[in-house]
Amino acid sequence: METTNTKPYYAAGIAAFVIWGFIPFPLKALADYPSGQILFFRVALSVILLLLITVLFRRKNLMQTIMQVKASKPREARKFLLYTFLGGSLLTINWLTFIYVINHINIQTGSFSYLLCPILTAVLGFTLLKEELRPNQWVAIGLSALSCVLIGTGELTSLLFSLLIALSYAFYLITQRLLKVYDKIVLLTLQLVLSFVFIAPFYEQFKGSSEVVLDGHFFLMTGILSAVFTVLPLFLNLYALKELTSGTIGILMYINPILNFVVAFLYFNEETTAVKVAAYVLIFISVIIYNINLKGRKKTGAGLVIPPVGTTAVVK
């Protein structure tokens, strides 16, 4: 029985969400530009970067992935095509919504979505991947649902945006978990190429009536957004999913909104309400309850026992 050291996978997952925790900085620096225009260049520059990486350093991996798909059974090949397509679609929806929320609503709404996302990911993992959930984790899910009710009673629009962001990324994690046997850079490249194909015909609609000049500042910030806050953390996240369950990644995801909240209050001086504070506290309580007795948490159907951070997993 072989043992797999999960430390690199935990490190990759943690690093990804730490990076995303500071994403309000480049987005706020682009607040004068339409959300769709930011999305267009974020995807376009990310595609260029990934294609360069693939052509210069990973052609062998690309060919291996192509041969892997060709050699697979028709059902497996269809699954690859379907979930790659879904991955590109879900990323497009998630990014466009998140950019709009950060720049036109507030950082808190965007952050709340990533507080919800881990719980939704756990539910989807249970429903679609048959990943086990303990009774205390169902209690945590119920508390998270109650926090949504609290937010929705005061700001329904904000809640709906949060749910759209959370669900789009939760489904993205699930689809990529199902593609864990394929090369991560190749997958990410294909997904972003698809994303660009989706949005390219609608550039004029994304731009709208904006007359803001695309200057050096715009391309510098979108370049940073693409390389540092898109390609790097997405690759780290996909790498982590190779050995960690979607539920475990969901727990690590809490690093992102916690840092978002710190940035919102300490740097951007955002204000909040008593109802929001109650909802956020409820979410954090649900996180604690969800994580009780992580030892022995089993990933059913895939043969892994997922232990606490810093230990190893046993591959059956």
C-alpha atoms as a PDB file:
ATOM      1  CA  MET A   1       0.000   0.000   0.000  1.00  0.00           C
ATOM      2  CA  GLU A   2       1.585   3.254  -1.130  1.00  0.00           C
ATOM      3  CA  THR A   3       1.443   6.497   0.785  1.00  0.00           C
ATOM      4  CA  THR A   4       1.007   9.860  -0.860  1.00  0.00           C
ATOM      5  CA  ASN A   5       2.525  12.944   0.736  1.00  0.00           C
ATOM      6  CA  THR A   6      -0.284  15.489   0.638  1.00  0.00           C
ATOM      7  CA  LYS A   7       1.818  18.414   1.920  1.00  0.00           C
ATOM      8  CA  PRO A   8       2.574  19.807  -1.597  1.00  0.00           C
ATOM      9  CA  TYR A   9      -1.121  19.647  -2.467  1.00  0.00           C
ATOM     10  CA  TYR A  10      -2.161  21.443   0.714  1.00  0.00           C
ATOM     11  CA  ALA A  11       0.584  24.021   0.136  1.00  0.00           C
ATOM     12  CA  ALA A  12      -0.642  24.597  -3.431  1.00  0.00           C
ATOM     13  CA  GLY A  13      -4.255  24.993  -2.300  1.00  0.00           C
ATOM     14  CA  ILE A  14      -3.334  27.402   0.506  1.00  0.00           C
ATOM     15  CA  ALA A  15      -1.103  29.485  -1.800  1.00  0.00           C
ATOM     16  CA  ALA A  16      -3.888  29.778  -4.397  1.00  0.00           C
ATOM     17  CA  PHE A  17      -6.393  31.170  -1.912  1.00  0.00           C
ATOM     18  CA  VAL A  18      -3.877  33.513  -0.279  1.00  0.00           C
ATOM     19  CA  ILE A  19      -3.205  35.037  -3.710  1.00  0.00           C
ATOM     20  CA  TRP A  20      -6.934  35.366  -4.431  1.00  0.00           C
ATOM     21  CA  GLY A  21      -7.385  36.986  -1.035  1.00  0.00           C
ATOM     22  CA  PHE A  22      -5.638  40.096  -2.375  1.00  0.00           C
ATOM     23  CA  ILE A  23      -7.431  40.249  -5.737  1.00  0.00           C
ATOM     24  CA  PRO A  24      -9.437  43.378  -4.755  1.00  0.00           C
ATOM     25  CA  PHE A  25      -6.273  45.452  -5.275  1.00  0.00           C
ATOM     26  CA  PRO A  26      -5.890  44.948  -9.055  1.00  0.00           C
ATOM     27  CA  LEU A  27      -9.670  44.975  -9.556  1.00  0.00           C
ATOM     28  CA  LYS A  28     -10.168  48.231  -7.647  1.00  0.00           C
ATOM     29  CA  ALA A  29      -7.299  49.734  -9.656  1.00  0.00           C
ATOM     30  CA  LEU A  30      -9.449  49.021 -12.748  1.00  0.00           C
ATOM     31  CA  ALA A  31     -12.723  50.320 -11.298  1.00  0.00           C
ATOM     32  CA  ASP A  32     -13.058  53.038 -13.977  1.00  0.00           C
ATOM     33  CA  TYR A  33     -13.352  50.438 -16.735  1.00  0.00           C
ATOM     34  CA  PRO A  34     -16.429  48.300 -17.600  1.00  0.00           C
ATOM     35  CA  SER A  35     -16.457  44.852 -15.960  1.00  0.00           C
ATOM     36  CA  GLY A  36     -16.866  43.095 -19.297  1.00  0.00           C
ATOM     37  CA  GLN A  37     -13.866  44.915 -20.756  1.00  0.00           C
ATOM     38  CA  ILE A  38     -11.720  43.881 -17.783  1.00  0.00           C
ATOM     39  CA  LEU A  39     -12.910  40.284 -18.226  1.00  0.00           C
ATOM     40  CA  PHE A  40     -12.115  40.332 -21.952  1.00  0.00           C
ATOM     41  CA  PHE A  41      -8.497  41.387 -21.481  1.00  0.00           C
ATOM     42  CA  ARG A  42      -8.033  39.237 -18.379  1.00  0.00           C
ATOM     43  CA  VAL A  43      -8.991  36.171 -20.399  1.00  0.00           C
ATOM     44  CA  ALA A  44      -7.146  37.273 -23.555  1.00  0.00           C
ATOM     45  CA  LEU A  45      -3.853  37.935 -21.744  1.00  0.00           C
ATOM     46  CA  SER A  46      -4.204  34.711 -19.741  1.00  0.00           C
ATOM     47  CA  VAL A  47      -4.716  32.744 -22.969  1.00  0.00           C
ATOM     48  CA  ILE A  48      -1.624  34.324 -24.553  1.00  0.00           C
ATOM     49  CA  LEU A  49       0.464  33.501 -21.486  1.00  0.00           C
ATOM     50  CA  LEU A  50      -0.768  29.908 -21.304  1.00  0.00           C
ATOM     51  CA  LEU A  51      -0.280  29.312 -25.027  1.00  0.00           C
ATOM     52  CA  LEU A  52       3.289  30.592 -24.739  1.00  0.00           C
ATOM     53  CA  ILE A  53       3.935  28.267 -21.796  1.00  0.00           C
ATOM     54  CA  THR A  54       2.423  25.337 -23.705  1.00  0.00           C
ATOM     55  CA  VAL A  55       4.305  25.983 -26.949  1.00  0.00           C
ATOM     56  CA  LEU A  56       7.660  26.696 -25.319  1.00  0.00           C
ATOM     57  CA  PHE A  57       7.701  24.230 -22.442  1.00  0.00           C
ATOM     58  CA  ARG A  58       4.772  21.809 -22.511  1.00  0.00           C
ATOM     59  CA  ARG A  59       4.212  20.592 -26.062  1.00  0.00           C
ATOM     60  CA  LYS A  60       4.911  17.042 -24.911  1.00  0.00           C
ATOM     61  CA  ASN A  61       2.216  17.329 -22.246  1.00  0.00           C
ATOM     62  CA  LEU A  62      -0.242  18.657 -24.824  1.00  0.00           C
ATOM     63  CA  MET A  63       0.418  15.743 -27.169  1.00  0.00           C
ATOM     64  CA  GLN A  64       0.152  13.260 -24.288  1.00  0.00           C
ATOM     65  CA  THR A  65      -3.233  14.713 -23.309  1.00  0.00           C
ATOM     66  CA  ILE A  66      -4.471  14.487 -26.909  1.00  0.00           C
ATOM     67  CA  MET A  67      -3.317  10.866 -27.135  1.00  0.00           C
ATOM     68  CA  GLN A  68      -4.851  10.131 -23.721  1.00  0.00           C
ATOM     69  CA  VAL A  69      -8.240  11.396 -24.896  1.00  0.00           C
ATOM     70  CA  LYS A  70      -7.985   9.563 -28.237  1.00  0.00           C
ATOM     71  CA  ALA A  71      -7.093   6.302 -26.495  1.00  0.00           C
ATOM     72  CA  SER A  72      -9.907   6.563 -23.964  1.00  0.00           C
ATOM     73  CA  LYS A  73     -13.308   4.992 -24.293  1.00  0.00           C
ATOM     74  CA  PRO A  74     -15.977   7.111 -26.059  1.00  0.00           C
ATOM     75  CA  ARG A  75     -17.756   7.774 -22.767  1.00  0.00           C
ATOM     76  CA  GLU A  76     -14.532   9.030 -21.146  1.00  0.00           C
ATOM     77  CA  ALA A  77     -13.734  11.209 -24.179  1.00  0.00           C
ATOM     78  CA  ARG A  78     -17.223  12.740 -24.037  1.00  0.00           C
ATOM     79  CA  LYS A  79     -16.756  13.395 -20.316  1.00  0.00           C
ATOM     80  CA  PHE A  80     -13.465  15.168 -21.037  1.00  0.00           C
ATOM     81  CA  LEU A  81     -15.061  17.393 -23.676  1.00  0.00           C
ATOM     82  CA  LEU A  82     -18.166  18.102 -21.588  1.00  0.00           C
ATOM     83  CA  TYR A  83     -16.357  19.023 -18.359  1.00  0.00           C
ATOM     84  CA  THR A  84     -13.702  21.045 -20.179  1.00  0.00           C
ATOM     85  CA  PHE A  85     -16.488  23.005 -21.875  1.00  0.00           C
ATOM     86  CA  LEU A  86     -18.292  23.438 -18.558  1.00  0.00           C
ATOM     87  CA  GLY A  87     -15.054  24.533 -16.907  1.00  0.00           C
ATOM     88  CA  GLY A  88     -14.549  27.349 -19.421  1.00  0.00           C
ATOM     89  CA  SER A  89     -18.187  28.405 -19.163  1.00  0.00           C
ATOM     90  CA  LEU A  90     -18.231  28.428 -15.361  1.00  0.00           C
ATOM     91  CA  LEU A  91     -14.989  30.403 -15.121  1.00  0.00           C
ATOM     92  CA  THR A  92     -16.389  33.019 -17.501  1.00  0.00           C
ATOM     93  CA  ILE A  93     -19.582  33.426 -15.453  1.00  0.00           C
ATOM     94  CA  ASN A  94     -17.675  33.480 -12.167  1.00  0.00           C
ATOM     95  CA  TRP A  95     -15.116  36.080 -13.233  1.00  0.00           C
ATOM     96  CA  LEU A  96     -17.562  38.453 -14.884  1.00  0.00           C
ATOM     97  CA  THR A  97     -19.887  38.395 -11.876  1.00  0.00           C
ATOM     98  CA  PHE A  98     -17.064  38.764  -9.358  1.00  0.00           C
ATOM     99  CA  ILE A  99     -15.472  41.709 -11.204  1.00  0.00           C
ATOM    100  CA  TYR A 100     -18.843  43.474 -11.355  1.00  0.00           C
ATOM    101  CA  VAL A 101     -19.547  42.859  -7.668  1.00  0.00           C
ATOM    102  CA  ILE A 102     -16.139  44.066  -6.456  1.00  0.00           C
ATOM    103  CA  ASN A 103     -16.213  47.256  -8.529  1.00  0.00           C
ATOM    104  CA  HIS A 104     -19.933  48.130  -8.470  1.00  0.00           C
ATOM    105  CA  ILE A 105     -21.355  46.665  -5.243  1.00  0.00           C
ATOM    106  CA  ASN A 106     -18.698  46.020  -2.598  1.00  0.00           C
ATOM    107  CA  ILE A 107     -15.891  43.683  -1.603  1.00  0.00           C
ATOM    108  CA  GLN A 108     -18.006  42.220   1.203  1.00  0.00           C
ATOM    109  CA  THR A 109     -20.564  40.770  -1.226  1.00  0.00           C
ATOM    110  CA  GLY A 110     -17.802  39.133  -3.232  1.00  0.00           C
ATOM    111  CA  SER A 111     -16.220  37.817  -0.047  1.00  0.00           C
ATOM    112  CA  PHE A 112     -19.506  36.410   1.260  1.00  0.00           C
ATOM    113  CA  SER A 113     -19.831  34.375  -1.918  1.00  0.00           C
ATOM    114  CA  TYR A 114     -16.561  32.603  -1.129  1.00  0.00           C
ATOM    115  CA  LEU A 115     -17.724  31.991   2.425  1.00  0.00           C
ATOM    116  CA  LEU A 116     -20.725  30.192   0.935  1.00  0.00           C
ATOM    117  CA  CYS A 117     -18.755  28.405  -1.764  1.00  0.00           C
ATOM    118  CA  PRO A 118     -17.025  25.795   0.448  1.00  0.00           C
ATOM    119  CA  ILE A 119     -20.318  24.663   1.957  1.00  0.00           C
ATOM    120  CA  LEU A 120     -21.935  24.507  -1.473  1.00  0.00           C
ATOM    121  CA  THR A 121     -18.908  22.592  -2.762  1.00  0.00           C
ATOM    122  CA  ALA A 122     -19.276  20.080   0.064  1.00  0.00           C
ATOM    123  CA  VAL A 123     -22.979  19.615  -0.746  1.00  0.00           C
ATOM    124  CA  LEU A 124     -22.222  19.155  -4.440  1.00  0.00           C
ATOM    125  CA  GLY A 125     -19.384  16.771  -3.584  1.00  0.00           C
ATOM    126  CA  PHE A 126     -21.852  14.706  -1.537  1.00  0.00           C
ATOM    127  CA  THR A 127     -24.537  14.831  -4.236  1.00  0.00           C
ATOM    128  CA  LEU A 128     -22.436  14.332  -7.366  1.00  0.00           C
ATOM    129  CA  LEU A 129     -19.217  12.645  -6.204  1.00  0.00           C
ATOM    130  CA  LYS A 130     -20.622  10.644  -3.268  1.00  0.00           C
ATOM    131  CA  GLU A 131     -18.135  12.234  -0.866  1.00  0.00           C
ATOM    132  CA  GLU A 132     -19.073  11.478   2.733  1.00  0.00           C
ATOM    133  CA  LEU A 133     -20.535  14.123   5.062  1.00  0.00           C
ATOM    134  CA  ARG A 134     -20.815  13.623   8.820  1.00  0.00           C
ATOM    135  CA  PRO A 135     -23.805  14.817  10.907  1.00  0.00           C
ATOM    136  CA  ASN A 136     -21.909  17.835  12.250  1.00  0.00           C
ATOM    137  CA  GLN A 137     -21.157  18.878   8.680  1.00  0.00           C
ATOM    138  CA  TRP A 138     -24.859  18.818   7.849  1.00  0.00           C
ATOM    139  CA  VAL A 139     -25.416  21.084  10.856  1.00  0.00           C
ATOM    140  CA  ALA A 140     -22.780  23.450   9.408  1.00  0.00           C
ATOM    141  CA  ILE A 141     -24.576  23.413   6.065  1.00  0.00           C
ATOM    142  CA  GLY A 142     -27.840  24.316   7.808  1.00  0.00           C
ATOM    143  CA  LEU A 143     -26.194  27.252   9.603  1.00  0.00           C
ATOM    144  CA  SER A 144     -24.788  28.463   6.299  1.00  0.00           C
ATOM    145  CA  ALA A 145     -28.265  28.364   4.785  1.00  0.00           C
ATOM    146  CA  LEU A 146     -29.523  30.431   7.737  1.00  0.00           C
ATOM    147  CA  SER A 147     -26.794  33.015   7.088  1.00  0.00           C
ATOM    148  CA  CYS A 148     -28.091  33.295   3.515  1.00  0.00           C
ATOM    149  CA  VAL A 149     -31.559  34.000   4.868  1.00  0.00           C
ATOM    150  CA  LEU A 150     -30.158  36.793   7.062  1.00  0.00           C
ATOM    151  CA  ILE A 151     -28.340  38.390   4.129  1.00  0.00           C
ATOM    152  CA  GLY A 152     -31.338  37.955   1.822  1.00  0.00           C
ATOM    153  CA  THR A 153     -33.780  39.693   4.161  1.00  0.00           C
ATOM    154  CA  GLY A 154     -31.792  42.916   3.916  1.00  0.00           C
ATOM    155  CA  GLU A 155     -30.109  42.824   0.512  1.00  0.00           C
ATOM    156  CA  LEU A 156     -31.653  40.278  -1.838  1.00  0.00           C
ATOM    157  CA  THR A 157     -29.686  41.532  -4.847  1.00  0.00           C
ATOM    158  CA  SER A 158     -26.385  41.124  -3.019  1.00  0.00           C
ATOM    159  CA  LEU A 159     -27.383  37.613  -1.935  1.00  0.00           C
ATOM    160  CA  LEU A 160     -28.271  36.596  -5.493  1.00  0.00           C
ATOM    161  CA  PHE A 161     -24.923  37.850  -6.788  1.00  0.00           C
ATOM    162  CA  SER A 162     -23.153  35.994  -3.968  1.00  0.00           C
ATOM    163  CA  LEU A 163     -25.006  32.777  -4.799  1.00  0.00           C
ATOM    164  CA  LEU A 164     -24.179  33.078  -8.504  1.00  0.00           C
ATOM    165  CA  ILE A 165     -20.475  33.533  -7.759  1.00  0.00           C
ATOM    166  CA  ALA A 166     -20.455  30.737  -5.184  1.00  0.00           C
ATOM    167  CA  LEU A 167     -22.380  28.219  -7.289  1.00  0.00           C
ATOM    168  CA  SER A 168     -20.388  28.872 -10.471  1.00  0.00           C
ATOM    169  CA  TYR A 169     -17.088  28.256  -8.687  1.00  0.00           C
ATOM    170  CA  ALA A 170     -18.402  25.299  -6.661  1.00  0.00           C
ATOM    171  CA  PHE A 171     -19.524  23.593  -9.870  1.00  0.00           C
ATOM    172  CA  TYR A 172     -16.158  24.445 -11.441  1.00  0.00           C
ATOM    173  CA  LEU A 173     -14.340  22.650  -8.596  1.00  0.00           C
ATOM    174  CA  ILE A 174     -16.577  19.611  -9.018  1.00  0.00           C
ATOM    175  CA  THR A 175     -16.068  19.391 -12.784  1.00  0.00           C
ATOM    176  CA  GLN A 176     -12.299  19.696 -12.439  1.00  0.00           C
ATOM    177  CA  ARG A 177     -12.210  17.044  -9.727  1.00  0.00           C
ATOM    178  CA  LEU A 178     -13.662  14.693 -12.343  1.00  0.00           C
ATOM    179  CA  LEU A 179     -10.804  15.567 -14.740  1.00  0.00           C
ATOM    180  CA  LYS A 180      -7.963  15.055 -12.242  1.00  0.00           C
ATOM    181  CA  VAL A 181      -6.139  12.492 -14.428  1.00  0.00           C
ATOM    182  CA  TYR A 182      -5.364  15.079 -17.135  1.00  0.00           C
ATOM    183  CA  ASP A 183      -2.538  17.610 -17.294  1.00  0.00           C
ATOM    184  CA  LYS A 184      -3.571  20.740 -15.386  1.00  0.00           C
ATOM    185  CA  ILE A 185      -1.889  23.347 -17.588  1.00  0.00           C
ATOM    186  CA  VAL A 186      -3.372  21.781 -20.720  1.00  0.00           C
ATOM    187  CA  LEU A 187      -6.823  21.752 -19.106  1.00  0.00           C
ATOM    188  CA  LEU A 188      -6.521  25.358 -17.985  1.00  0.00           C
ATOM    189  CA  THR A 189      -5.330  26.439 -21.445  1.00  0.00           C
ATOM    190  CA  LEU A 190      -8.257  24.718 -23.163  1.00  0.00           C
ATOM    191  CA  GLN A 191     -10.743  26.205 -20.709  1.00  0.00           C
ATOM    192  CA  LEU A 192      -9.490  29.756 -21.132  1.00  0.00           C
ATOM    193  CA  VAL A 193      -9.357  29.402 -24.922  1.00  0.00           C
ATOM    194  CA  LEU A 194     -13.010  28.350 -24.733  1.00  0.00           C
ATOM    195  CA  SER A 195     -13.757  31.273 -22.429  1.00  0.00           C
ATOM    196  CA  PHE A 196     -12.196  33.672 -24.940  1.00  0.00           C
ATOM    197  CA  VAL A 197     -14.213  32.115 -27.764  1.00  0.00           C
ATOM    198  CA  PHE A 198     -17.365  32.697 -25.705  1.00  0.00           C
ATOM    199  CA  ILE A 199     -16.706  36.375 -24.984  1.00  0.00           C
ATOM    200  CA  ALA A 200     -14.766  37.623 -28.037  1.00  0.00           C
ATOM    201  CA  PRO A 201     -17.866  38.189 -30.237  1.00  0.00           C
ATOM    202  CA  PHE A 202     -19.415  40.352 -27.510  1.00  0.00           C
ATOM    203  CA  TYR A 203     -16.550  42.763 -26.916  1.00  0.00           C
ATOM    204  CA  GLU A 204     -18.508  45.817 -28.041  1.00  0.00           C
ATOM    205  CA  GLN A 205     -21.366  44.875 -25.705  1.00  0.00           C
ATOM    206  CA  PHE A 206     -18.920  44.359 -22.841  1.00  0.00           C
ATOM    207  CA  LYS A 207     -17.316  47.707 -23.555  1.00  0.00           C
ATOM    208  CA  GLY A 208     -20.682  49.461 -23.717  1.00  0.00           C
ATOM    209  CA  SER A 209     -20.601  53.232 -24.077  1.00  0.00           C
ATOM    210  CA  SER A 210     -17.385  53.639 -22.121  1.00  0.00           C
ATOM    211  CA  GLU A 211     -14.943  56.148 -23.582  1.00  0.00           C
ATOM    212  CA  VAL A 212     -12.138  55.483 -21.089  1.00  0.00           C
ATOM    213  CA  VAL A 213      -8.793  55.158 -22.916  1.00  0.00           C
ATOM    214  CA  LEU A 214      -6.978  51.836 -22.575  1.00  0.00           C
ATOM    215  CA  ASP A 215      -3.607  53.151 -21.446  1.00  0.00           C
ATOM    216  CA  GLY A 216      -0.443  51.662 -19.958  1.00  0.00           C
ATOM    217  CA  HIS A 217      -2.023  51.545 -16.511  1.00  0.00           C
ATOM    218  CA  PHE A 218      -4.901  49.415 -17.802  1.00  0.00           C
ATOM    219  CA  PHE A 219      -2.650  46.882 -19.525  1.00  0.00           C
ATOM    220  CA  LEU A 220      -0.232  46.734 -16.596  1.00  0.00           C
ATOM    221  CA  MET A 221      -3.016  45.983 -14.122  1.00  0.00           C
ATOM    222  CA  THR A 222      -4.796  43.493 -16.415  1.00  0.00           C
ATOM    223  CA  GLY A 223      -1.416  41.841 -17.031  1.00  0.00           C
ATOM    224  CA  ILE A 224      -0.905  41.448 -13.282  1.00  0.00           C
ATOM    225  CA  LEU A 225      -4.504  40.270 -12.925  1.00  0.00           C
ATOM    226  CA  SER A 226      -3.963  37.654 -15.638  1.00  0.00           C
ATOM    227  CA  ALA A 227      -0.549  36.295 -14.646  1.00  0.00           C
ATOM    228  CA  VAL A 228      -0.492  36.639 -10.854  1.00  0.00           C
ATOM    229  CA  PHE A 229      -4.183  36.455  -9.954  1.00  0.00           C
ATOM    230  CA  THR A 230      -5.491  34.102 -12.671  1.00  0.00           C
ATOM    231  CA  VAL A 231      -3.052  31.652 -14.257  1.00  0.00           C
ATOM    232  CA  LEU A 232      -0.871  31.032 -11.183  1.00  0.00           C
ATOM    233  CA  PRO A 233      -3.605  30.420  -8.560  1.00  0.00           C
ATOM    234  CA  LEU A 234      -5.826  28.465 -10.976  1.00  0.00           C
ATOM    235  CA  PHE A 235      -2.956  26.116 -11.730  1.00  0.00           C
ATOM    236  CA  LEU A 236      -2.193  25.742  -8.006  1.00  0.00           C
ATOM    237  CA  ASN A 237      -5.863  25.044  -7.339  1.00  0.00           C
ATOM    238  CA  LEU A 238      -6.125  22.423 -10.072  1.00  0.00           C
ATOM    239  CA  TYR A 239      -2.896  20.821  -8.822  1.00  0.00           C
ATOM    240  CA  ALA A 240      -4.305  20.628  -5.285  1.00  0.00           C
ATOM    241  CA  LEU A 241      -7.489  18.959  -6.582  1.00  0.00           C
ATOM    242  CA  LYS A 242      -5.368  16.099  -7.895  1.00  0.00           C
ATOM    243  CA  GLU A 243      -5.123  14.616  -4.384  1.00  0.00           C
ATOM    244  CA  LEU A 244      -7.497  16.585  -2.146  1.00  0.00           C
ATOM    245  CA  THR A 245     -11.266  16.186  -2.105  1.00  0.00           C
ATOM    246  CA  SER A 246     -13.481  19.020  -3.280  1.00  0.00           C
ATOM    247  CA  GLY A 247     -14.698  19.369   0.322  1.00  0.00           C
ATOM    248  CA  THR A 248     -11.130  19.779   1.600  1.00  0.00           C
ATOM    249  CA  ILE A 249     -10.411  22.405  -1.045  1.00  0.00           C
ATOM    250  CA  GLY A 250     -13.653  24.061   0.054  1.00  0.00           C
ATOM    251  CA  ILE A 251     -12.323  24.415   3.600  1.00  0.00           C
ATOM    252  CA  LEU A 252      -9.008  25.887   2.407  1.00  0.00           C
ATOM    253  CA  MET A 253     -11.087  28.324   0.369  1.00  0.00           C
ATOM    254  CA  TYR A 254     -12.011  30.203   3.551  1.00  0.00           C
ATOM    255  CA  ILE A 255      -8.558  31.807   3.436  1.00  0.00           C
ATOM    256  CA  ASN A 256      -9.751  33.843   0.438  1.00  0.00           C
ATOM    257  CA  PRO A 257     -12.807  35.617   1.948  1.00  0.00           C
ATOM    258  CA  ILE A 258     -11.083  36.156   5.302  1.00  0.00           C
ATOM    259  CA  LEU A 259      -8.313  38.088   3.552  1.00  0.00           C
ATOM    260  CA  ASN A 260     -10.925  39.859   1.399  1.00  0.00           C
ATOM    261  CA  PHE A 261     -12.715  41.068   4.531  1.00  0.00           C
ATOM    262  CA  VAL A 262      -9.469  42.311   6.077  1.00  0.00           C
ATOM    263  CA  VAL A 263      -8.669  44.241   2.895  1.00  0.00           C
ATOM    264  CA  ALA A 264     -12.222  45.636   2.638  1.00  0.00           C
ATOM    265  CA  PHE A 265     -12.302  47.014   6.184  1.00  0.00           C
ATOM    266  CA  LEU A 266      -8.675  47.989   6.823  1.00  0.00           C
ATOM    267  CA  TYR A 267      -7.661  49.309   3.400  1.00  0.00           C
ATOM    268  CA  PHE A 268     -10.825  50.273   1.497  1.00  0.00           C
ATOM    269  CA  ASN A 269     -12.729  51.424   4.624  1.00  0.00           C
ATOM    270  CA  GLU A 270     -15.983  49.667   3.757  1.00  0.00           C
ATOM    271  CA  GLU A 271     -18.830  49.707   6.291  1.00  0.00           C
ATOM    272  CA  THR A 272     -21.194  46.884   7.200  1.00  0.00           C
ATOM    273  CA  THR A 273     -24.513  46.297   9.010  1.00  0.00           C
ATOM    274  CA  ALA A 274     -25.485  44.350  12.118  1.00  0.00           C
ATOM    275  CA  VAL A 275     -27.372  41.794  10.003  1.00  0.00           C
ATOM    276  CA  LYS A 276     -24.319  41.192   7.829  1.00  0.00           C
ATOM    277  CA  VAL A 277     -22.100  40.811  10.883  1.00  0.00           C
ATOM    278  CA  ALA A 278     -24.542  38.236  12.297  1.00  0.00           C
ATOM    279  CA  ALA A 279     -24.513  36.331   8.994  1.00  0.00           C
ATOM    280  CA  TYR A 280     -20.713  36.368   8.799  1.00  0.00           C
ATOM    281  CA  VAL A 281     -20.386  35.186  12.409  1.00  0.00           C
ATOM    282  CA  LEU A 282     -22.832  32.379  11.665  1.00  0.00           C
ATOM    283  CA  ILE A 283     -20.770  31.340   8.660  1.00  0.00           C
ATOM    284  CA  PHE A 284     -17.557  31.250  10.728  1.00  0.00           C
ATOM    285  CA  ILE A 285     -19.302  29.166  13.407  1.00  0.00           C
ATOM    286  CA  SER A 286     -20.412  26.767  10.676  1.00  0.00           C
ATOM    287  CA  VAL A 287     -16.780  26.458   9.530  1.00  0.00           C
ATOM    288  CA  ILE A 288     -15.704  25.434  13.035  1.00  0.00           C
ATOM    289  CA  ILE A 289     -18.529  22.913  13.293  1.00  0.00           C
ATOM    290  CA  TYR A 290     -17.801  21.562   9.812  1.00  0.00           C
ATOM    291  CA  ASN A 291     -14.160  20.907  10.725  1.00  0.00           C
ATOM    292  CA  ILE A 292     -14.803  19.027  13.970  1.00  0.00           C
ATOM    293  CA  ASN A 293     -13.077  15.648  13.893  1.00  0.00           C
ATOM    294  CA  LEU A 294     -11.408  15.909  10.494  1.00  0.00           C
ATOM    295  CA  LYS A 295      -9.507  12.712  11.287  1.00  0.00           C
ATOM    296  CA  GLY A 296     -11.162   9.762   9.721  1.00  0.00           C
ATOM    297  CA  ARG A 297     -12.873  11.819   7.042  1.00  0.00           C
ATOM    298  CA  LYS A 298     -13.111   9.480   4.087  1.00  0.00           C
ATOM    299  CA  LYS A 299     -13.343  10.194   0.460  1.00  0.00           C
ATOM    300  CA  THR A 300     -15.758   7.525  -0.638  1.00  0.00           C
ATOM    301  CA  GLY A 301     -15.529   5.979  -4.030  1.00  0.00           C
ATOM    302  CA  ALA A 302     -12.016   7.270  -4.811  1.00  0.00           C
ATOM    303  CA  GLY A 303      -9.990   5.418  -2.200  1.00  0.00           C
ATOM    304  CA  LEU A 304      -8.427   8.254  -0.219  1.00  0.00           C
ATOM    305  CA  VAL A 305      -8.451   9.072   3.455  1.00  0.00           C
ATOM    306  CA  ILE A 306      -8.086  12.840   3.794  1.00  0.00           C
ATOM    307  CA  PRO A 307      -6.309  13.797   7.031  1.00  0.00           C
ATOM    308  CA  PRO A 308      -5.682  17.181   8.671  1.00  0.00           C
ATOM    309  CA  VAL A 309      -3.114  19.545   7.166  1.00  0.00           C
ATOM    310  CA  GLY A 310       0.445  18.316   7.446  1.00  0.00           C
ATOM    311  CA  THR A 311      -0.226  14.565   7.442  1.00  0.00           C
ATOM    312  CA  THR A 312      -0.334  12.032   4.645  1.00  0.00           C
ATOM    313  CA  ALA A 313      -3.113  10.301   2.766  1.00  0.00           C
ATOM    314  CA  VAL A 314      -3.306   6.585   2.187  1.00  0.00           C
ATOM    315  CA  VAL A 315      -3.997   5.436  -1.354  1.00  0.00           C
ATOM    316  CA  LYS A 316      -5.784   2.122  -1.473  1.00  0.00           C
END
